[in-house]
Amino acid sequence: MPDGAKVGGKRSETFAAERLTSFVERIEKLEEERASLGADMREVYSEAKGSGFDVKTMRQLVRLRKLEPAERAEQTELLDIYMQALGMA
């Protein structure tokens, strides 16, 4: 019986190793895609900068557009309040 357990154990170890390899390879592929997308985004920002747009401001716009209107309004209001408190507005 112990020999049969070892064979079964080896099968499950092999299966686990194959699953692990599959996960790692998928993650590696996604990381490559992310790097490629990052390069594409840098290129677009560079192109926008070359056209005279301020990249920092564009990044803020992209971040703000992801928010719901109410959340965006709340953040804008808080920023205004904080700026007034610091004498910046």
PDB file of N, CA and C in Angstrom:
ATOM      1  N   MET A   1       0.813  -1.201   0.000  1.00  0.00           N
ATOM      2  CA  MET A   1       0.000   0.000   0.000  1.00  0.00           C
ATOM      3  C   MET A   1       0.854   1.261   0.000  1.00  0.00           C
ATOM      4  N   PRO A   2       1.948   1.306   0.774  1.00  0.00           N
ATOM      5  CA  PRO A   2       2.762   2.505   0.750  1.00  0.00           C
ATOM      6  C   PRO A   2       3.274   2.834  -0.645  1.00  0.00           C
ATOM      7  N   ASP A   3       3.596   1.795  -1.458  1.00  0.00           N
ATOM      8  CA  ASP A   3       4.068   2.068  -2.813  1.00  0.00           C
ATOM      9  C   ASP A   3       2.973   2.726  -3.633  1.00  0.00           C
ATOM     10  N   GLY A   4       1.730   2.239  -3.484  1.00  0.00           N
ATOM     11  CA  GLY A   4       0.602   2.845  -4.202  1.00  0.00           C
ATOM     12  C   GLY A   4       0.392   4.283  -3.761  1.00  0.00           C
ATOM     13  N   ALA A   5       0.590   4.557  -2.497  1.00  0.00           N
ATOM     14  CA  ALA A   5       0.440   5.917  -1.986  1.00  0.00           C
ATOM     15  C   ALA A   5       1.499   6.821  -2.593  1.00  0.00           C
ATOM     16  N   LYS A   6       2.703   6.271  -2.749  1.00  0.00           N
ATOM     17  CA  LYS A   6       3.763   7.079  -3.348  1.00  0.00           C
ATOM     18  C   LYS A   6       3.442   7.421  -4.789  1.00  0.00           C
ATOM     19  N   VAL A   7       2.917   6.439  -5.536  1.00  0.00           N
ATOM     20  CA  VAL A   7       2.563   6.692  -6.934  1.00  0.00           C
ATOM     21  C   VAL A   7       1.471   7.741  -6.998  1.00  0.00           C
ATOM     22  N   GLY A   8       0.435   7.560  -6.174  1.00  0.00           N
ATOM     23  CA  GLY A   8      -0.638   8.548  -6.144  1.00  0.00           C
ATOM     24  C   GLY A   8      -0.123   9.905  -5.711  1.00  0.00           C
ATOM     25  N   GLY A   9       0.783   9.888  -4.745  1.00  0.00           N
ATOM     26  CA  GLY A   9       1.368  11.132  -4.268  1.00  0.00           C
ATOM     27  C   GLY A   9       2.181  11.814  -5.351  1.00  0.00           C
ATOM     28  N   LYS A  10       2.917  11.019  -6.104  1.00  0.00           N
ATOM     29  CA  LYS A  10       3.711  11.583  -7.196  1.00  0.00           C
ATOM     30  C   LYS A  10       2.800  12.171  -8.267  1.00  0.00           C
ATOM     31  N   ARG A  11       1.682  11.501  -8.530  1.00  0.00           N
ATOM     32  CA  ARG A  11       0.733  12.023  -9.515  1.00  0.00           C
ATOM     33  C   ARG A  11       0.185  13.369  -9.065  1.00  0.00           C
ATOM     34  N   SER A  12      -0.197  13.436  -7.791  1.00  0.00           N
ATOM     35  CA  SER A  12      -0.732  14.714  -7.316  1.00  0.00           C
ATOM     36  C   SER A  12       0.357  15.772  -7.248  1.00  0.00           C
ATOM     37  N   GLU A  13       1.587  15.357  -6.936  1.00  0.00           N
ATOM     38  CA  GLU A  13       2.692  16.320  -6.962  1.00  0.00           C
ATOM     39  C   GLU A  13       2.926  16.812  -8.381  1.00  0.00           C
ATOM     40  N   THR A  14       2.872  15.892  -9.340  1.00  0.00           N
ATOM     41  CA  THR A  14       3.053  16.272 -10.743  1.00  0.00           C
ATOM     42  C   THR A  14       1.933  17.200 -11.180  1.00  0.00           C
ATOM     43  N   PHE A  15       0.693  16.864 -10.802  1.00  0.00           N
ATOM     44  CA  PHE A  15      -0.445  17.710 -11.142  1.00  0.00           C
ATOM     45  C   PHE A  15      -0.291  19.097 -10.526  1.00  0.00           C
ATOM     46  N   ALA A  16       0.108  19.142  -9.253  1.00  0.00           N
ATOM     47  CA  ALA A  16       0.297  20.429  -8.565  1.00  0.00           C
ATOM     48  C   ALA A  16       1.402  21.229  -9.240  1.00  0.00           C
ATOM     49  N   ALA A  17       2.472  20.560  -9.623  1.00  0.00           N
ATOM     50  CA  ALA A  17       3.579  21.250 -10.290  1.00  0.00           C
ATOM     51  C   ALA A  17       3.136  21.794 -11.644  1.00  0.00           C
ATOM     52  N   GLU A  18       2.332  21.006 -12.366  1.00  0.00           N
ATOM     53  CA  GLU A  18       1.823  21.472 -13.663  1.00  0.00           C
ATOM     54  C   GLU A  18       0.906  22.675 -13.490  1.00  0.00           C
ATOM     55  N   ARG A  19       0.049  22.633 -12.475  1.00  0.00           N
ATOM     56  CA  ARG A  19      -0.856  23.763 -12.198  1.00  0.00           C
ATOM     57  C   ARG A  19      -0.048  25.008 -11.827  1.00  0.00           C
ATOM     58  N   LEU A  20       0.953  24.812 -10.978  1.00  0.00           N
ATOM     59  CA  LEU A  20       1.799  25.928 -10.562  1.00  0.00           C
ATOM     60  C   LEU A  20       2.504  26.527 -11.772  1.00  0.00           C
ATOM     61  N   THR A  21       3.055  25.657 -12.611  1.00  0.00           N
ATOM     62  CA  THR A  21       3.728  26.131 -13.825  1.00  0.00           C
ATOM     63  C   THR A  21       2.764  26.906 -14.701  1.00  0.00           C
ATOM     64  N   SER A  22       1.557  26.406 -14.834  1.00  0.00           N
ATOM     65  CA  SER A  22       0.543  27.092 -15.637  1.00  0.00           C
ATOM     66  C   SER A  22       0.243  28.488 -15.086  1.00  0.00           C
ATOM     67  N   PHE A  23       0.051  28.583 -13.776  1.00  0.00           N
ATOM     68  CA  PHE A  23      -0.219  29.887 -13.162  1.00  0.00           C
ATOM     69  C   PHE A  23       0.938  30.852 -13.374  1.00  0.00           C
ATOM     70  N   VAL A  24       2.157  30.372 -13.128  1.00  0.00           N
ATOM     71  CA  VAL A  24       3.336  31.231 -13.263  1.00  0.00           C
ATOM     72  C   VAL A  24       3.490  31.711 -14.707  1.00  0.00           C
ATOM     73  N   GLU A  25       3.292  30.817 -15.658  1.00  0.00           N
ATOM     74  CA  GLU A  25       3.412  31.207 -17.063  1.00  0.00           C
ATOM     75  C   GLU A  25       2.355  32.216 -17.453  1.00  0.00           C
ATOM     76  N   ARG A  26       1.129  32.062 -16.944  1.00  0.00           N
ATOM     77  CA  ARG A  26       0.068  33.036 -17.230  1.00  0.00           C
ATOM     78  C   ARG A  26       0.412  34.399 -16.645  1.00  0.00           C
ATOM     79  N   ILE A  27       0.925  34.395 -15.422  1.00  0.00           N
ATOM     80  CA  ILE A  27       1.312  35.651 -14.780  1.00  0.00           C
ATOM     81  C   ILE A  27       2.433  36.317 -15.561  1.00  0.00           C
ATOM     82  N   GLU A  28       3.418  35.533 -15.994  1.00  0.00           N
ATOM     83  CA  GLU A  28       4.525  36.090 -16.770  1.00  0.00           C
ATOM     84  C   GLU A  28       4.023  36.712 -18.072  1.00  0.00           C
ATOM     85  N   LYS A  29       3.083  36.055 -18.723  1.00  0.00           N
ATOM     86  CA  LYS A  29       2.520  36.592 -19.967  1.00  0.00           C
ATOM     87  C   LYS A  29       1.792  37.911 -19.700  1.00  0.00           C
ATOM     88  N   LEU A  30       1.020  37.952 -18.626  1.00  0.00           N
ATOM     89  CA  LEU A  30       0.305  39.180 -18.273  1.00  0.00           C
ATOM     90  C   LEU A  30       1.270  40.314 -17.942  1.00  0.00           C
ATOM     91  N   GLU A  31       2.376  39.976 -17.257  1.00  0.00           N
ATOM     92  CA  GLU A  31       3.376  41.001 -16.948  1.00  0.00           C
ATOM     93  C   GLU A  31       4.002  41.556 -18.227  1.00  0.00           C
ATOM     94  N   GLU A  32       4.227  40.690 -19.206  1.00  0.00           N
ATOM     95  CA  GLU A  32       4.757  41.147 -20.491  1.00  0.00           C
ATOM     96  C   GLU A  32       3.762  42.086 -21.173  1.00  0.00           C
ATOM     97  N   GLU A  33       2.484  41.715 -21.120  1.00  0.00           N
ATOM     98  CA  GLU A  33       1.442  42.554 -21.721  1.00  0.00           C
ATOM     99  C   GLU A  33       1.362  43.898 -21.008  1.00  0.00           C
ATOM    100  N   ARG A  34       1.471  43.871 -19.680  1.00  0.00           N
ATOM    101  CA  ARG A  34       1.427  45.109 -18.903  1.00  0.00           C
ATOM    102  C   ARG A  34       2.599  46.013 -19.288  1.00  0.00           C
ATOM    103  N   ALA A  35       3.778  45.428 -19.426  1.00  0.00           N
ATOM    104  CA  ALA A  35       4.954  46.208 -19.811  1.00  0.00           C
ATOM    105  C   ALA A  35       4.760  46.814 -21.189  1.00  0.00           C
ATOM    106  N   SER A  36       4.185  46.048 -22.084  1.00  0.00           N
ATOM    107  CA  SER A  36       3.927  46.548 -23.433  1.00  0.00           C
ATOM    108  C   SER A  36       2.912  47.690 -23.403  1.00  0.00           C
ATOM    109  N   LEU A  37       1.863  47.524 -22.608  1.00  0.00           N
ATOM    110  CA  LEU A  37       0.865  48.584 -22.479  1.00  0.00           C
ATOM    111  C   LEU A  37       1.474  49.832 -21.859  1.00  0.00           C
ATOM    112  N   GLY A  38       2.342  49.647 -20.875  1.00  0.00           N
ATOM    113  CA  GLY A  38       3.015  50.784 -20.249  1.00  0.00           C
ATOM    114  C   GLY A  38       3.845  51.553 -21.264  1.00  0.00           C
ATOM    115  N   ALA A  39       4.531  50.826 -22.119  1.00  0.00           N
ATOM    116  CA  ALA A  39       5.335  51.475 -23.165  1.00  0.00           C
ATOM    117  C   ALA A  39       4.433  52.227 -24.130  1.00  0.00           C
ATOM    118  N   ASP A  40       3.301  51.635 -24.474  1.00  0.00           N
ATOM    119  CA  ASP A  40       2.346  52.304 -25.371  1.00  0.00           C
ATOM    120  C   ASP A  40       1.803  53.579 -24.732  1.00  0.00           C
ATOM    121  N   MET A  41       1.503  53.517 -23.436  1.00  0.00           N
ATOM    122  CA  MET A  41       0.973  54.695 -22.748  1.00  0.00           C
ATOM    123  C   MET A  41       2.020  55.798 -22.674  1.00  0.00           C
ATOM    124  N   ARG A  42       3.274  55.423 -22.393  1.00  0.00           N
ATOM    125  CA  ARG A  42       4.343  56.434 -22.374  1.00  0.00           C
ATOM    126  C   ARG A  42       4.474  57.098 -23.741  1.00  0.00           C
ATOM    127  N   GLU A  43       4.311  56.325 -24.784  1.00  0.00           N
ATOM    128  CA  GLU A  43       4.398  56.868 -26.136  1.00  0.00           C
ATOM    129  C   GLU A  43       3.280  57.878 -26.394  1.00  0.00           C
ATOM    130  N   VAL A  44       2.068  57.559 -25.958  1.00  0.00           N
ATOM    131  CA  VAL A  44       0.938  58.480 -26.151  1.00  0.00           C
ATOM    132  C   VAL A  44       1.160  59.757 -25.350  1.00  0.00           C
ATOM    133  N   TYR A  45       1.609  59.623 -24.101  1.00  0.00           N
ATOM    134  CA  TYR A  45       1.891  60.812 -23.294  1.00  0.00           C
ATOM    135  C   TYR A  45       3.000  61.647 -23.927  1.00  0.00           C
ATOM    136  N   SER A  46       4.001  60.995 -24.459  1.00  0.00           N
ATOM    137  CA  SER A  46       5.099  61.703 -25.119  1.00  0.00           C
ATOM    138  C   SER A  46       4.594  62.457 -26.344  1.00  0.00           C
ATOM    139  N   GLU A  47       3.728  61.813 -27.086  1.00  0.00           N
ATOM    140  CA  GLU A  47       3.137  62.455 -28.264  1.00  0.00           C
ATOM    141  C   GLU A  47       2.300  63.668 -27.854  1.00  0.00           C
ATOM    142  N   ALA A  48       1.532  63.516 -26.776  1.00  0.00           N
ATOM    143  CA  ALA A  48       0.717  64.627 -26.281  1.00  0.00           C
ATOM    144  C   ALA A  48       1.608  65.770 -25.823  1.00  0.00           C
ATOM    145  N   LYS A  49       2.700  65.444 -25.133  1.00  0.00           N
ATOM    146  CA  LYS A  49       3.639  66.470 -24.682  1.00  0.00           C
ATOM    147  C   LYS A  49       4.234  67.201 -25.875  1.00  0.00           C
ATOM    148  N   GLY A  50       4.574  66.454 -26.920  1.00  0.00           N
ATOM    149  CA  GLY A  50       5.110  67.056 -28.131  1.00  0.00           C
ATOM    150  C   GLY A  50       4.116  67.970 -28.819  1.00  0.00           C
ATOM    151  N   SER A  51       2.825  67.747 -28.549  1.00  0.00           N
ATOM    152  CA  SER A  51       1.779  68.604 -29.112  1.00  0.00           C
ATOM    153  C   SER A  51       1.461  69.787 -28.213  1.00  0.00           C
ATOM    154  N   GLY A  52       2.198  69.907 -27.102  1.00  0.00           N
ATOM    155  CA  GLY A  52       2.034  71.062 -26.229  1.00  0.00           C
ATOM    156  C   GLY A  52       1.160  70.845 -25.011  1.00  0.00           C
ATOM    157  N   PHE A  53       0.700  69.633 -24.769  1.00  0.00           N
ATOM    158  CA  PHE A  53      -0.145  69.371 -23.604  1.00  0.00           C
ATOM    159  C   PHE A  53       0.716  69.060 -22.389  1.00  0.00           C
ATOM    160  N   ASP A  54       0.217  69.434 -21.208  1.00  0.00           N
ATOM    161  CA  ASP A  54       0.911  69.163 -19.954  1.00  0.00           C
ATOM    162  C   ASP A  54       0.557  67.750 -19.500  1.00  0.00           C
ATOM    163  N   VAL A  55       1.547  66.889 -19.430  1.00  0.00           N
ATOM    164  CA  VAL A  55       1.335  65.473 -19.129  1.00  0.00           C
ATOM    165  C   VAL A  55       0.838  65.271 -17.701  1.00  0.00           C
ATOM    166  N   LYS A  56       1.351  66.031 -16.740  1.00  0.00           N
ATOM    167  CA  LYS A  56       0.890  65.884 -15.352  1.00  0.00           C
ATOM    168  C   LYS A  56      -0.605  66.156 -15.257  1.00  0.00           C
ATOM    169  N   THR A  57      -1.040  67.193 -15.935  1.00  0.00           N
ATOM    170  CA  THR A  57      -2.462  67.536 -15.912  1.00  0.00           C
ATOM    171  C   THR A  57      -3.287  66.463 -16.609  1.00  0.00           C
ATOM    172  N   MET A  58      -2.769  65.930 -17.692  1.00  0.00           N
ATOM    173  CA  MET A  58      -3.483  64.860 -18.393  1.00  0.00           C
ATOM    174  C   MET A  58      -3.625  63.631 -17.507  1.00  0.00           C
ATOM    175  N   ARG A  59      -2.569  63.302 -16.758  1.00  0.00           N
ATOM    176  CA  ARG A  59      -2.639  62.152 -15.848  1.00  0.00           C
ATOM    177  C   ARG A  59      -3.711  62.373 -14.785  1.00  0.00           C
ATOM    178  N   GLN A  60      -3.814  63.610 -14.288  1.00  0.00           N
ATOM    179  CA  GLN A  60      -4.856  63.926 -13.310  1.00  0.00           C
ATOM    180  C   GLN A  60      -6.241  63.767 -13.937  1.00  0.00           C
ATOM    181  N   LEU A  61      -6.387  64.224 -15.167  1.00  0.00           N
ATOM    182  CA  LEU A  61      -7.672  64.083 -15.849  1.00  0.00           C
ATOM    183  C   LEU A  61      -8.062  62.618 -16.015  1.00  0.00           C
ATOM    184  N   VAL A  62      -7.109  61.794 -16.405  1.00  0.00           N
ATOM    185  CA  VAL A  62      -7.389  60.369 -16.573  1.00  0.00           C
ATOM    186  C   VAL A  62      -7.835  59.764 -15.248  1.00  0.00           C
ATOM    187  N   ARG A  63      -7.131  60.129 -14.174  1.00  0.00           N
ATOM    188  CA  ARG A  63      -7.499  59.616 -12.846  1.00  0.00           C
ATOM    189  C   ARG A  63      -8.899  60.094 -12.453  1.00  0.00           C
ATOM    190  N   LEU A  64      -9.190  61.365 -12.683  1.00  0.00           N
ATOM    191  CA  LEU A  64     -10.491  61.921 -12.302  1.00  0.00           C
ATOM    192  C   LEU A  64     -11.638  61.333 -13.120  1.00  0.00           C
ATOM    193  N   ARG A  65     -11.387  61.059 -14.387  1.00  0.00           N
ATOM    194  CA  ARG A  65     -12.445  60.507 -15.237  1.00  0.00           C
ATOM    195  C   ARG A  65     -12.862  59.102 -14.813  1.00  0.00           C
ATOM    196  N   LYS A  66     -12.009  58.422 -14.063  1.00  0.00           N
ATOM    197  CA  LYS A  66     -12.341  57.084 -13.578  1.00  0.00           C
ATOM    198  C   LYS A  66     -13.346  57.141 -12.432  1.00  0.00           C
ATOM    199  N   LEU A  67     -13.456  58.299 -11.792  1.00  0.00           N
ATOM    200  CA  LEU A  67     -14.320  58.441 -10.621  1.00  0.00           C
ATOM    201  C   LEU A  67     -15.762  58.692 -11.033  1.00  0.00           C
ATOM    202  N   GLU A  68     -16.658  58.325 -10.140  1.00  0.00           N
ATOM    203  CA  GLU A  68     -18.068  58.675 -10.318  1.00  0.00           C
ATOM    204  C   GLU A  68     -18.214  60.188 -10.134  1.00  0.00           C
ATOM    205  N   PRO A  69     -19.183  60.804 -10.792  1.00  0.00           N
ATOM    206  CA  PRO A  69     -19.337  62.268 -10.678  1.00  0.00           C
ATOM    207  C   PRO A  69     -19.419  62.777  -9.236  1.00  0.00           C
ATOM    208  N   ALA A  70     -20.144  62.090  -8.373  1.00  0.00           N
ATOM    209  CA  ALA A  70     -20.282  62.533  -6.979  1.00  0.00           C
ATOM    210  C   ALA A  70     -18.943  62.461  -6.249  1.00  0.00           C
ATOM    211  N   GLU A  71     -18.203  61.397  -6.483  1.00  0.00           N
ATOM    212  CA  GLU A  71     -16.897  61.243  -5.840  1.00  0.00           C
ATOM    213  C   GLU A  71     -15.916  62.295  -6.358  1.00  0.00           C
ATOM    214  N   ARG A  72     -15.995  62.555  -7.661  1.00  0.00           N
ATOM    215  CA  ARG A  72     -15.124  63.570  -8.261  1.00  0.00           C
ATOM    216  C   ARG A  72     -15.452  64.949  -7.683  1.00  0.00           C
ATOM    217  N   ALA A  73     -16.732  65.260  -7.542  1.00  0.00           N
ATOM    218  CA  ALA A  73     -17.148  66.551  -6.982  1.00  0.00           C
ATOM    219  C   ALA A  73     -16.679  66.678  -5.535  1.00  0.00           C
ATOM    220  N   GLU A  74     -16.783  65.597  -4.772  1.00  0.00           N
ATOM    221  CA  GLU A  74     -16.346  65.618  -3.375  1.00  0.00           C
ATOM    222  C   GLU A  74     -14.845  65.884  -3.280  1.00  0.00           C
ATOM    223  N   GLN A  75     -14.063  65.211  -4.114  1.00  0.00           N
ATOM    224  CA  GLN A  75     -12.614  65.421  -4.091  1.00  0.00           C
ATOM    225  C   GLN A  75     -12.258  66.850  -4.493  1.00  0.00           C
ATOM    226  N   THR A  76     -12.944  67.372  -5.501  1.00  0.00           N
ATOM    227  CA  THR A  76     -12.689  68.744  -5.942  1.00  0.00           C
ATOM    228  C   THR A  76     -13.029  69.737  -4.834  1.00  0.00           C
ATOM    229  N   GLU A  77     -14.146  69.501  -4.156  1.00  0.00           N
ATOM    230  CA  GLU A  77     -14.558  70.381  -3.061  1.00  0.00           C
ATOM    231  C   GLU A  77     -13.549  70.331  -1.916  1.00  0.00           C
ATOM    232  N   LEU A  78     -13.105  69.132  -1.555  1.00  0.00           N
ATOM    233  CA  LEU A  78     -12.119  69.003  -0.487  1.00  0.00           C
ATOM    234  C   LEU A  78     -10.797  69.674  -0.866  1.00  0.00           C
ATOM    235  N   LEU A  79     -10.398  69.525  -2.094  1.00  0.00           N
ATOM    236  CA  LEU A  79      -9.163  70.166  -2.546  1.00  0.00           C
ATOM    237  C   LEU A  79      -9.285  71.683  -2.426  1.00  0.00           C
ATOM    238  N   ASP A  80     -10.439  72.223  -2.829  1.00  0.00           N
ATOM    239  CA  ASP A  80     -10.662  73.667  -2.707  1.00  0.00           C
ATOM    240  C   ASP A  80     -10.612  74.113  -1.247  1.00  0.00           C
ATOM    241  N   ILE A  81     -11.247  73.351  -0.363  1.00  0.00           N
ATOM    242  CA  ILE A  81     -11.250  73.687   1.070  1.00  0.00           C
ATOM    243  C   ILE A  81      -9.825  73.676   1.616  1.00  0.00           C
ATOM    244  N   TYR A  82      -9.057  72.638   1.277  1.00  0.00           N
ATOM    245  CA  TYR A  82      -7.686  72.536   1.760  1.00  0.00           C
ATOM    246  C   TYR A  82      -6.822  73.666   1.200  1.00  0.00           C
ATOM    247  N   MET A  83      -7.017  74.004  -0.046  1.00  0.00           N
ATOM    248  CA  MET A  83      -6.235  75.091  -0.659  1.00  0.00           C
ATOM    249  C   MET A  83      -6.562  76.425   0.024  1.00  0.00           C
ATOM    250  N   GLN A  84      -7.835  76.657   0.322  1.00  0.00           N
ATOM    251  CA  GLN A  84      -8.218  77.879   1.031  1.00  0.00           C
ATOM    252  C   GLN A  84      -7.597  77.915   2.419  1.00  0.00           C
ATOM    253  N   ALA A  85      -7.597  76.770   3.108  1.00  0.00           N
ATOM    254  CA  ALA A  85      -7.014  76.710   4.453  1.00  0.00           C
ATOM    255  C   ALA A  85      -5.540  77.035   4.433  1.00  0.00           C
ATOM    256  N   LEU A  86      -4.866  76.707   3.335  1.00  0.00           N
ATOM    257  CA  LEU A  86      -3.435  76.994   3.198  1.00  0.00           C
ATOM    258  C   LEU A  86      -3.154  78.333   2.539  1.00  0.00           C
ATOM    259  N   GLY A  87      -4.228  79.076   2.257  1.00  0.00           N
ATOM    260  CA  GLY A  87      -4.059  80.377   1.613  1.00  0.00           C
ATOM    261  C   GLY A  87      -3.627  80.296   0.174  1.00  0.00           C
ATOM    262  N   MET A  88      -3.987  79.225  -0.486  1.00  0.00           N
ATOM    263  CA  MET A  88      -3.571  79.031  -1.874  1.00  0.00           C
ATOM    264  C   MET A  88      -4.654  79.437  -2.869  1.00  0.00           C
ATOM    265  N   ALA A  89      -5.837  79.765  -2.389  1.00  0.00           N
ATOM    266  CA  ALA A  89      -6.928  80.108  -3.303  1.00  0.00           C
ATOM    267  C   ALA A  89      -7.475  81.486  -3.006  1.00  0.00           C
TER     268      ALA A  89
END
